[in-house]
């Protein structure tokens, strides 16, 4: 091959060979460079993912669904990755926002970090929960500036500073579900009741069995014994060297004379008082040392709620005395509520006695008669008690699966908004005794107060 044509073809051939060599040499470098660039990104992604067991606690509305979800042992993934917000084909998908203004909720409820505060100052973090029927719920925390845009539901937590001002009108985005959530009684804070009562919501979520969504502090499970073997009186009493214990931090913000009651009881029997209401201290207050080891040294524990409200039975009873084999002395709701929710013959109700002295005399009798005392512990042969991961300790993201039926009803136009103050939950507390015709005296020596 000679002449200009041959020279041209030779040049083309040489150029092709050079091009191939350059490409073969360059491609590995590109792959290596990209690998090096991806590695730190992958590390960041993994460092921002935490896995938590998702459990859907039963409610009166979706109890069957709850049990199925608990058996599935679902997983909650908390991540920055926005891809997690996209459901797989065929999945139903819901977006729920916990309303927070100025990080007030996060500051007062640090357990929220278990959902969305894996990286400080990262507003794009989301918690994703796998619920029943392959449904995915994405939970976020955001403030008023977001105007709840794009959310299927908004949850308002019971805190005065978290009620929007001015309150959003009930007509605002009627296809969006608004939920009021509280672990406190309706009378917990007088200054907060009025603005909360006016908040228009589609559902109320509390510990109260009559609420739209119910998550109690604890539960009794008959048929699953805590005590596997028969115990003698000495075995039941092992380690119980003291009589009565009361642990409390709220001394004045109560709706019955709780502190006065304890002081009056101390006139007749020894009652050790730990926390802000007494001189004894144990810290950290939620440590095993304080909630287990200390409690087990006593025969009786004063489980006295701060308000007289139906179903308001808190960790003061479930976590401490019942789970630790101590007999609780109880007051808060009516006696019938304790009968319905607690193990049979497991508690002493202060309203059963004509006076504090009569109650004290009965405690002395039980203290001197081991066989009588252990009758209050034998329920453990028949059943057991358990506690839910309560919201003020650890927000369990799977609880938000309970909102799905209400979201669907709202979207179908079957559930309208009504003020929180008109809910059955808001009417569960004992009414005050301000009427002039209530001219009675207290047999308990506490002004005009008597237990209900």
Protein backbone atom coordinates (compact mmCIF):
# COMPACT_ATOMS: atom_id res chain seq x y z
CA UNK A 1 0.00 0.00 0.00
CA UNK A 2 1.76 3.12 -1.35
CA UNK A 3 0.96 6.68 -2.22
CA UNK A 4 -1.11 9.21 -0.33
CA UNK A 5 -3.96 6.78 0.23
CA UNK A 6 -1.72 4.25 1.93
CA UNK A 7 -0.14 6.90 4.13
CA UNK A 8 -3.58 8.07 5.25
CA UNK A 9 -4.70 4.57 6.20
CA UNK A 10 -1.49 4.02 8.17
CA UNK A 11 -2.06 7.22 10.14
CA UNK A 12 -5.65 6.16 10.93
CA UNK A 13 -4.44 2.74 12.12
CA UNK A 14 -1.79 4.25 14.39
CA UNK A 15 -4.33 6.70 15.83
CA UNK A 16 -6.75 3.86 16.57
CA UNK A 17 -4.04 1.87 18.39
CA UNK A 18 -3.06 4.90 20.49
CA UNK A 19 -6.73 5.57 21.38
CA UNK A 20 -7.31 1.98 22.53
CA UNK A 21 -4.19 2.06 24.71
CA UNK A 22 -5.22 5.31 26.31
CA UNK A 23 -8.72 4.03 27.09
CA UNK A 24 -7.48 0.75 28.58
CA UNK A 25 -5.08 2.65 30.80
CA UNK A 26 -7.63 5.28 31.88
CA UNK A 27 -10.68 3.12 32.75
CA UNK A 28 -9.13 1.40 35.80
CA UNK A 29 -8.09 4.81 37.06
CA UNK A 30 -11.69 6.03 36.78
CA UNK A 31 -13.01 2.97 38.65
CA UNK A 32 -10.41 3.31 41.38
CA UNK A 33 -11.09 7.01 41.77
CA UNK A 34 -14.84 6.46 42.01
CA UNK A 35 -14.34 3.65 44.52
CA UNK A 36 -12.26 5.91 46.69
CA UNK A 37 -14.91 8.61 46.45
CA UNK A 38 -17.73 6.22 47.31
CA UNK A 39 -16.07 4.72 50.38
CA UNK A 40 -16.42 7.77 52.64
CA UNK A 41 -20.01 8.26 51.49
CA UNK A 42 -20.86 4.68 52.40
CA UNK A 43 -19.26 5.13 55.81
CA UNK A 44 -21.35 8.24 56.40
CA UNK A 45 -24.51 6.41 55.37
CA UNK A 46 -23.83 3.48 57.68
CA UNK A 47 -22.94 5.72 60.60
CA UNK A 48 -26.33 7.42 60.32
CA UNK A 49 -28.40 4.24 60.34
CA UNK A 50 -29.61 2.65 63.57
CA UNK A 51 -31.95 -0.30 63.80
CA UNK A 52 -34.61 -0.60 66.45
CA UNK A 53 -37.13 -3.36 67.00
CA UNK A 54 -40.49 -2.07 65.88
CA UNK A 55 -43.40 -3.10 68.08
CA UNK A 56 -47.00 -2.07 67.62
CA UNK A 57 -48.67 -1.88 71.00
CA UNK A 58 -52.31 -2.85 71.16
CA UNK A 59 -55.11 -0.32 71.18
CA UNK A 60 -58.84 -0.79 71.41
CA UNK A 61 -59.11 0.22 67.76
CA UNK A 62 -56.46 -1.92 66.11
CA UNK A 63 -55.77 -4.66 68.66
CA UNK A 64 -55.72 -7.53 66.16
CA UNK A 65 -53.36 -5.67 63.87
CA UNK A 66 -51.14 -4.87 66.81
CA UNK A 67 -50.70 -8.49 67.83
CA UNK A 68 -49.73 -9.49 64.29
CA UNK A 69 -47.18 -6.72 64.04
CA UNK A 70 -45.60 -7.64 67.38
CA UNK A 71 -45.10 -11.19 66.12
CA UNK A 72 -43.46 -9.95 62.93
CA UNK A 73 -40.69 -8.22 64.89
CA UNK A 74 -40.59 -5.38 62.40
CA UNK A 75 -37.55 -3.18 62.01
CA UNK A 76 -37.36 0.58 62.12
CA UNK A 77 -34.61 2.21 60.09
CA UNK A 78 -33.47 5.72 60.92
CA UNK A 79 -31.42 7.26 58.16
CA UNK A 80 -30.53 10.38 56.22
CA UNK A 81 -30.96 8.50 52.95
CA UNK A 82 -33.93 10.01 51.18
CA UNK A 83 -34.30 6.78 49.15
CA UNK A 84 -35.76 5.20 52.29
CA UNK A 85 -38.77 7.47 51.90
CA UNK A 86 -39.74 5.76 48.66
CA UNK A 87 -41.93 2.69 49.18
CA UNK A 88 -41.41 -0.42 47.13
CA UNK A 89 -43.95 -1.16 44.39
CA UNK A 90 -47.27 -2.24 45.92
CA UNK A 91 -46.54 -0.71 49.34
CA UNK A 92 -48.81 1.85 50.93
CA UNK A 93 -46.94 4.85 52.26
CA UNK A 94 -47.80 7.47 54.89
CA UNK A 95 -45.96 10.57 56.09
CA UNK A 96 -46.45 11.61 59.73
CA UNK A 97 -45.01 14.74 61.31
CA UNK A 98 -44.53 15.23 65.06
CA UNK A 99 -45.03 18.96 65.52
CA UNK A 100 -42.10 20.71 67.22
CA UNK A 101 -41.44 24.43 67.37
CA UNK A 102 -37.93 25.64 68.14
CA UNK A 103 -36.79 22.14 69.17
CA UNK A 104 -38.83 22.49 72.39
CA UNK A 105 -40.16 18.96 72.17
CA UNK A 106 -36.73 17.50 71.49
CA UNK A 107 -35.30 19.37 74.49
CA UNK A 108 -38.02 18.22 76.87
CA UNK A 109 -38.33 14.73 75.41
CA UNK A 110 -34.76 13.64 74.62
CA UNK A 111 -36.03 10.16 73.78
CA UNK A 112 -37.06 11.61 70.42
CA UNK A 113 -33.45 11.18 69.41
CA UNK A 114 -34.27 7.49 68.96
CA UNK A 115 -36.36 8.50 65.97
CA UNK A 116 -34.84 11.38 64.12
CA UNK A 117 -31.97 13.04 65.94
CA UNK A 118 -29.21 10.71 64.81
CA UNK A 119 -27.27 13.66 63.39
CA UNK A 120 -27.48 17.09 64.99
CA UNK A 121 -28.90 19.80 62.82
CA UNK A 122 -29.95 17.51 59.98
CA UNK A 123 -33.56 18.36 59.13
CA UNK A 124 -33.79 15.71 56.41
CA UNK A 125 -33.56 12.76 58.78
CA UNK A 126 -36.58 10.47 58.75
CA UNK A 127 -37.68 7.39 60.65
CA UNK A 128 -39.27 4.65 58.56
CA UNK A 129 -41.50 2.01 60.11
CA UNK A 130 -42.71 -1.18 58.47
CA UNK A 131 -46.33 -1.78 59.51
CA UNK A 132 -48.98 -4.33 58.56
CA UNK A 133 -50.05 -5.00 54.98
CA UNK A 134 -46.64 -3.89 53.72
CA UNK A 135 -47.38 -0.31 54.73
CA UNK A 136 -44.53 2.08 55.44
CA UNK A 137 -44.80 5.05 57.78
CA UNK A 138 -42.25 7.84 57.59
CA UNK A 139 -41.98 9.89 60.79
CA UNK A 140 -40.41 13.32 60.92
CA UNK A 141 -40.14 16.15 63.41
CA UNK A 142 -40.58 19.69 62.16
CA UNK A 143 -41.83 23.10 63.19
CA UNK A 144 -44.54 25.51 62.17
CA UNK A 145 -42.57 26.92 59.24
CA UNK A 146 -43.25 23.70 57.35
CA UNK A 147 -47.01 24.29 57.62
CA UNK A 148 -47.47 20.51 57.67
CA UNK A 149 -47.12 20.48 53.88
CA UNK A 150 -47.25 17.05 52.26
CA UNK A 151 -48.05 15.23 55.53
CA UNK A 152 -50.77 12.62 55.89
CA UNK A 153 -50.92 13.24 59.64
CA UNK A 154 -49.60 15.70 62.23
CA UNK A 155 -49.18 14.74 65.90
CA UNK A 156 -49.44 17.44 68.59
CA UNK A 157 -47.73 16.51 71.84
CA UNK A 158 -49.11 17.68 75.20
CA UNK A 159 -46.90 20.71 75.87
CA UNK A 160 -48.10 24.28 76.22
CA UNK A 161 -45.42 25.75 73.98
CA UNK A 162 -46.19 23.26 71.22
CA UNK A 163 -49.76 24.30 70.61
CA UNK A 164 -49.61 26.46 67.44
CA UNK A 165 -50.45 30.14 67.89
CA UNK A 166 -52.66 31.16 66.32
CA UNK A 167 -54.19 27.73 66.15
CA UNK A 168 -54.73 26.37 62.66
CA UNK A 169 -58.40 26.37 61.67
CA UNK A 170 -60.25 23.08 61.51
CA UNK A 171 -60.86 23.73 57.81
CA UNK A 172 -57.13 23.75 57.03
CA UNK A 173 -56.32 20.82 54.71
CA UNK A 174 -59.29 18.62 55.72
CA UNK A 175 -57.64 15.56 54.15
CA UNK A 176 -54.84 15.70 56.74
CA UNK A 177 -55.21 13.82 60.05
CA UNK A 178 -54.49 15.77 63.24
CA UNK A 179 -53.80 13.78 66.40
CA UNK A 180 -53.51 14.96 70.01
CA UNK A 181 -51.07 12.83 72.01
CA UNK A 182 -50.53 12.79 75.78
CA UNK A 183 -49.19 10.55 78.53
CA UNK A 184 -50.37 13.04 81.15
CA UNK A 185 -53.79 13.35 82.74
CA UNK A 186 -56.19 16.08 81.53
CA UNK A 187 -55.48 17.98 84.76
CA UNK A 188 -51.70 17.72 84.71
CA UNK A 189 -51.07 21.40 84.05
CA UNK A 190 -53.83 23.94 84.59
CA UNK A 191 -52.08 26.56 82.47
CA UNK A 192 -52.04 24.25 79.46
CA UNK A 193 -55.58 22.94 79.56
CA UNK A 194 -57.35 25.90 77.92
CA UNK A 195 -55.33 26.23 74.68
CA UNK A 196 -55.17 22.46 74.29
CA UNK A 197 -58.92 22.09 74.76
CA UNK A 198 -59.50 24.29 71.72
CA UNK A 199 -57.19 22.39 69.37
CA UNK A 200 -59.24 20.71 66.58
CA UNK A 201 -58.17 17.10 66.04
CA UNK A 202 -59.39 13.94 64.31
CA UNK A 203 -58.14 11.56 67.01
CA UNK A 204 -56.95 11.53 70.63
CA UNK A 205 -54.08 9.22 71.60
CA UNK A 206 -53.55 8.58 75.34
CA UNK A 207 -53.36 5.91 78.06
CA UNK A 208 -57.17 6.11 78.55
CA UNK A 209 -59.09 3.08 77.28
CA UNK A 210 -61.82 5.27 75.84
CA UNK A 211 -59.43 7.25 73.64
CA UNK A 212 -59.35 6.78 69.88
CA UNK A 213 -55.85 5.28 70.21
CA UNK A 214 -54.82 3.67 73.49
CA UNK A 215 -51.33 2.90 74.74
CA UNK A 216 -51.38 2.15 78.49
CA UNK A 217 -48.33 2.38 80.70
CA UNK A 218 -48.51 -1.31 81.58
CA UNK A 219 -50.64 -4.43 81.44
CA UNK A 220 -51.50 -7.64 83.27
CA UNK A 221 -51.05 -10.90 81.37
CA UNK A 222 -52.99 -13.75 83.04
CA UNK A 223 -51.77 -17.23 82.22
CA UNK A 224 -48.08 -16.32 82.07
CA UNK A 225 -46.82 -16.78 85.65
CA UNK A 226 -44.02 -14.62 87.00
CA UNK A 227 -43.38 -17.11 89.80
CA UNK A 228 -42.51 -20.48 88.27
CA UNK A 229 -42.16 -22.37 91.54
CA UNK A 230 -44.02 -22.37 94.85
CA UNK A 231 -42.35 -20.14 97.44
CA UNK A 232 -42.43 -20.19 101.21
CA UNK A 233 -43.19 -17.06 103.22
CA UNK A 234 -39.49 -16.67 103.99
CA UNK A 235 -38.64 -16.81 100.28
CA UNK A 236 -41.24 -14.18 99.42
CA UNK A 237 -39.90 -11.91 102.18
CA UNK A 238 -36.22 -12.38 101.40
CA UNK A 239 -34.43 -9.02 101.35
CA UNK A 240 -37.46 -7.05 102.58
CA UNK A 241 -36.08 -5.38 105.70
CA UNK A 242 -38.06 -2.11 105.54
CA UNK A 243 -41.75 -1.25 105.62
CA UNK A 244 -42.86 1.45 103.15
CA UNK A 245 -41.31 3.54 100.37
CA UNK A 246 -42.46 6.60 98.42
CA UNK A 247 -40.49 8.09 95.52
CA UNK A 248 -41.72 11.39 94.08
CA UNK A 249 -40.51 14.57 92.41
CA UNK A 250 -43.82 16.43 92.08
CA UNK A 251 -44.66 17.70 95.55
CA UNK A 252 -47.10 20.57 94.95
CA UNK A 253 -48.47 20.20 91.43
CA UNK A 254 -51.08 17.61 92.38
CA UNK A 255 -54.87 17.65 92.41
CA UNK A 256 -55.40 16.01 95.77
CA UNK A 257 -53.42 16.41 99.05
CA UNK A 258 -50.91 13.68 98.22
CA UNK A 259 -47.95 15.03 100.20
CA UNK A 260 -50.19 15.75 103.20
CA UNK A 261 -51.48 12.20 103.01
CA UNK A 262 -47.95 10.77 103.16
CA UNK A 263 -46.97 13.04 106.06
CA UNK A 264 -50.08 11.95 107.96
CA UNK A 265 -49.29 8.29 107.31
CA UNK A 266 -45.75 8.82 108.63
CA UNK A 267 -47.24 9.65 112.03
CA UNK A 268 -48.24 6.01 112.40
CA UNK A 269 -45.78 3.92 110.35
CA UNK A 270 -42.28 4.50 108.95
CA UNK A 271 -42.35 5.68 105.32
CA UNK A 272 -39.04 6.43 103.59
CA UNK A 273 -39.44 9.29 101.09
CA UNK A 274 -36.96 9.58 98.20
CA UNK A 275 -36.69 12.42 95.71
CA UNK A 276 -37.66 16.08 95.79
CA UNK A 277 -40.48 15.42 98.28
CA UNK A 278 -38.19 13.90 100.91
CA UNK A 279 -34.73 13.99 102.40
CA UNK A 280 -33.48 10.70 100.95
CA UNK A 281 -31.78 10.53 97.56
CA UNK A 282 -31.06 7.82 95.00
CA UNK A 283 -29.51 8.62 91.65
CA UNK A 284 -29.70 8.25 88.79
CA UNK A 285 -33.41 7.93 89.49
CA UNK A 286 -34.07 5.50 86.58
CA UNK A 287 -31.08 3.27 87.34
CA UNK A 288 -31.45 -0.37 88.38
CA UNK A 289 -30.05 0.61 91.76
CA UNK A 290 -33.04 2.90 92.37
CA UNK A 291 -35.90 1.21 90.52
CA UNK A 292 -35.08 -2.39 91.39
CA UNK A 293 -32.53 -2.89 94.17
CA UNK A 294 -33.89 -0.17 96.44
CA UNK A 295 -37.56 -0.98 95.86
CA UNK A 296 -37.11 -4.67 96.67
CA UNK A 297 -35.96 -3.82 100.20
CA UNK A 298 -39.52 -2.76 101.12
CA UNK A 299 -42.79 -4.56 101.76
CA UNK A 300 -44.98 -1.68 100.56
CA UNK A 301 -44.65 1.00 97.89
CA UNK A 302 -46.85 4.10 97.71
CA UNK A 303 -48.11 4.28 94.11
CA UNK A 304 -49.97 7.57 94.43
CA UNK A 305 -50.82 9.36 91.18
CA UNK A 306 -50.80 13.16 91.01
CA UNK A 307 -54.39 13.34 89.73
CA UNK A 308 -57.68 11.55 90.30
CA UNK A 309 -58.43 10.48 86.72
CA UNK A 310 -59.83 7.30 85.17
CA UNK A 311 -57.23 4.81 83.89
CA UNK A 312 -54.38 7.10 84.99
CA UNK A 313 -52.09 4.37 86.35
CA UNK A 314 -48.49 5.21 85.56
CA UNK A 315 -45.02 3.70 85.95
CA UNK A 316 -45.32 4.47 89.68
CA UNK A 317 -47.19 1.19 89.89
CA UNK A 318 -46.17 -1.00 86.94
CA UNK A 319 -42.40 -0.49 86.81
CA UNK A 320 -41.63 -0.44 90.50
CA UNK A 321 -43.82 -2.39 92.97
CA UNK A 322 -45.60 -4.91 90.74
CA UNK A 323 -42.55 -5.84 88.67
CA UNK A 324 -40.32 -5.99 91.77
CA UNK A 325 -42.54 -8.14 94.00
CA UNK A 326 -43.65 -5.34 96.35
CA UNK A 327 -47.23 -4.65 97.46
CA UNK A 328 -48.47 -1.27 96.13
CA UNK A 329 -50.60 1.11 98.17
CA UNK A 330 -52.56 2.80 95.40
CA UNK A 331 -54.64 5.87 94.64
CA UNK A 332 -55.54 7.88 91.56
CA UNK A 333 -58.49 6.47 89.61
CA UNK A 334 -61.46 4.73 91.21
CA UNK A 335 -61.03 1.33 92.82
CA UNK A 336 -62.89 -0.41 89.99
CA UNK A 337 -60.20 0.70 87.51
CA UNK A 338 -57.51 -1.00 89.58
CA UNK A 339 -59.70 -4.11 89.77
CA UNK A 340 -60.06 -4.15 85.98
CA UNK A 341 -56.42 -3.52 85.08
CA UNK A 342 -54.27 -4.99 87.87
CA UNK A 343 -53.67 -8.59 88.94
CA UNK A 344 -56.33 -9.85 91.38
CA UNK A 345 -55.62 -9.12 95.06
CA UNK A 346 -52.34 -7.39 94.28
CA UNK A 347 -52.91 -3.93 95.78
CA UNK A 348 -54.13 -1.96 98.80
CA UNK A 349 -56.54 0.87 97.91
CA UNK A 350 -56.51 3.74 100.39
CA UNK A 351 -60.21 4.45 99.86
CA UNK A 352 -61.07 1.13 101.54
CA UNK A 353 -60.22 2.60 104.94
CA UNK A 354 -62.10 5.10 107.08
CA UNK A 355 -58.97 6.94 108.12
CA UNK A 356 -55.23 7.04 107.58
CA UNK A 357 -54.76 5.52 111.03
CA UNK A 358 -56.95 2.56 110.06
CA UNK A 359 -54.83 2.05 106.94
CA UNK A 360 -51.64 2.25 109.02
CA UNK A 361 -52.99 -0.32 111.48
CA UNK A 362 -53.64 -2.72 108.59
CA UNK A 363 -50.09 -2.27 107.31
CA UNK A 364 -48.78 -3.08 110.79
CA UNK A 365 -50.94 -6.20 110.84
CA UNK A 366 -49.57 -7.42 107.50
CA UNK A 367 -46.04 -6.64 108.65
CA UNK A 368 -46.51 -8.87 111.69
CA UNK A 369 -48.33 -11.67 109.81
CA UNK A 370 -46.17 -12.94 106.92
CA UNK A 371 -48.83 -15.41 105.77
CA UNK A 372 -51.33 -12.56 105.35
CA UNK A 373 -48.79 -10.33 103.60
CA UNK A 374 -47.78 -12.87 100.95
CA UNK A 375 -51.42 -13.26 99.87
CA UNK A 376 -50.83 -10.00 97.98
CA UNK A 377 -47.95 -11.59 96.06
CA UNK A 378 -49.47 -14.93 95.10
CA UNK A 379 -51.02 -13.49 91.93
CA UNK A 380 -47.58 -14.11 90.43
CA UNK A 381 -48.45 -17.83 90.30
CA UNK A 382 -51.25 -17.01 87.84
CA UNK A 383 -49.92 -14.20 85.66
CA UNK A 384 -47.36 -11.49 85.00
CA UNK A 385 -47.17 -7.76 84.36
CA UNK A 386 -45.38 -5.91 81.59
CA UNK A 387 -44.67 -2.34 80.59
CA UNK A 388 -44.68 -0.63 77.24
CA UNK A 389 -41.78 1.55 76.14
CA UNK A 390 -43.44 4.69 77.34
CA UNK A 391 -43.09 7.79 75.24
CA UNK A 392 -41.32 9.90 77.81
CA UNK A 393 -38.57 7.28 78.07
CA UNK A 394 -38.28 5.93 74.55
CA UNK A 395 -40.45 6.80 71.58
CA UNK A 396 -41.25 3.47 69.92
CA UNK A 397 -41.73 4.37 66.25
CA UNK A 398 -43.95 1.33 65.63
CA UNK A 399 -46.64 2.97 67.77
CA UNK A 400 -47.30 5.33 64.88
CA UNK A 401 -48.70 2.42 62.85
CA UNK A 402 -51.84 2.90 64.96
CA UNK A 403 -52.56 6.11 63.05
CA UNK A 404 -53.09 4.41 59.69
CA UNK A 405 -56.81 3.52 60.12
CA UNK A 406 -57.55 7.12 61.12
CA UNK A 407 -55.59 8.55 58.20
CA UNK A 408 -57.63 6.38 55.83
CA UNK A 409 -60.93 7.46 57.42
CA UNK A 410 -60.02 11.13 57.14
CA UNK A 411 -59.10 10.75 53.47
CA UNK A 412 -62.49 9.13 52.86
CA UNK A 413 -64.20 12.05 54.59
CA UNK A 414 -65.50 9.85 57.43
CA UNK A 415 -63.76 11.59 60.33
CA UNK A 416 -64.12 15.29 61.12
CA UNK A 417 -62.10 17.42 63.50
CA UNK A 418 -63.44 18.29 66.95
CA UNK A 419 -61.78 20.20 69.84
CA UNK A 420 -59.72 18.14 72.28
CA UNK A 421 -61.87 19.54 75.09
CA UNK A 422 -64.92 17.72 73.70
CA UNK A 423 -63.23 14.29 73.76
CA UNK A 424 -64.14 11.63 76.32
CA UNK A 425 -60.53 11.75 77.57
CA UNK A 426 -60.94 15.36 78.70
CA UNK A 427 -63.83 14.36 80.97
CA UNK A 428 -62.12 11.53 82.87
CA UNK A 429 -60.99 13.38 86.00
CA UNK A 430 -62.77 13.81 89.31
CA UNK A 431 -64.59 17.12 89.52
CA UNK A 432 -63.55 19.71 92.09
CA UNK A 433 -65.42 20.19 95.34
CA UNK A 434 -66.03 23.93 95.11
CA UNK A 435 -69.82 23.83 95.53
CA UNK A 436 -71.10 25.39 98.75
CA UNK A 437 -73.40 22.44 99.43
CA UNK A 438 -70.35 20.19 99.84
CA UNK A 439 -70.21 20.90 103.57
CA UNK A 440 -68.52 17.70 104.66
CA UNK A 441 -65.38 17.09 106.69
CA UNK A 442 -62.60 14.68 105.79
CA UNK A 443 -62.28 11.56 107.89
CA UNK A 444 -58.67 11.54 106.70
CA UNK A 445 -57.90 14.80 108.48
CA UNK A 446 -57.00 16.48 105.19
CA UNK A 447 -59.37 19.43 104.99
CA UNK A 448 -62.45 18.55 102.95
CA UNK A 449 -60.80 15.83 100.89
CA UNK A 450 -61.88 12.20 100.95
CA UNK A 451 -60.82 9.48 98.48
CA UNK A 452 -63.37 8.56 95.83
